[in-house]
Amino acid sequence: MPRTRGRAMAASEIRTQIIDAVDRQPAALTYSVLINRHRRPLLKIDFDSQLMLRHIRYRVNMPAEPRTAKGRATRDRIIGATREALIAGGGRADLQDIAVRAHVPPSLIHRYFDSRSGLISTVVADFYDRLSAEVVTPDLTEIGPWPDRERERVRRGISFHYNTPFASVVYGPLGREPRVAAAETELIGRIIALGADNIRRGQHDGDLPSCVDPELASAAIFGSLRSLLVTALARPTRPEVDALAATHWRQVAAAVGLPPGR
């Protein structure tokens, strides 16, 4: 068997094993554990980024999700109550307040989440998952070439943050214990990886110059968006969506090597 084919088959087998393992026991596996188990960086395997986003739980090590509809509803209610408490508390919330908002005894929170930091990590992960699903991953091919569809994605991104009250907390005063900070770092890495894939697609289609490093460009784009939103969301009167999108687009164009005004 040719060596290259053997590598491809090995990657496919590893991918299948990882997906099966994470689906069976999500609480027990982290990105680092998976790397050590298979003796190779996962990013070297032919993973589709959205597949990684769906199946790998980066360091957010909580008990497995409830199997009953009632259990899932209770868990979702606790997550929603935590989000509300963090917004009301300017980034801080205690378990007693969360329990009151969720209409559950405090002891029940520990049944679904192993700790306060695990609970907050879940709320942060939910924010980034929704950002990915609503803004980062949708295929906007019908809009046109890369610059046209990404202008629309920028506008959608601004609107998402304006319409998500928790954005002001997660980008600002959220109290970050080490576990929450570590989880958020990995979640941001997922967003950057998806953005890099999008830039590579633009390069492949000939819409973007090939000399640009996709990962660095994606990191620059997300970093500038986050900084821009920290300022905009803190203002008593927020800039109009289109005006803020135009400001951010200039940063996007510079990062991917597009000429001004493109």
Foldseek 3Di string as FASTA:
>chain_A
DDPVVVVLVVLVVLLVVQQVVCVVFVLPDALVNSCVVVVHRNVVRPDDLVSCLPRHQHLLRWGDQDPDPVSNVLLVLLLVLVLVQCLVVLQDDDLVSSCVSSVHPSVVNCVGGVDPLSSVLVNLLVLLVVCCVFQLPDDPVVQDADLRSVLVSLLSNLVSLVPDSSLLRVLDVRDDDPSSVSSVVVSVVSSLVSQLVSLVVNVVVVNFPPVARSSVLSVQLVVVVSVLCNVQVPDPDHDDSNVSSVVSVQSSCVSRVHDPPD
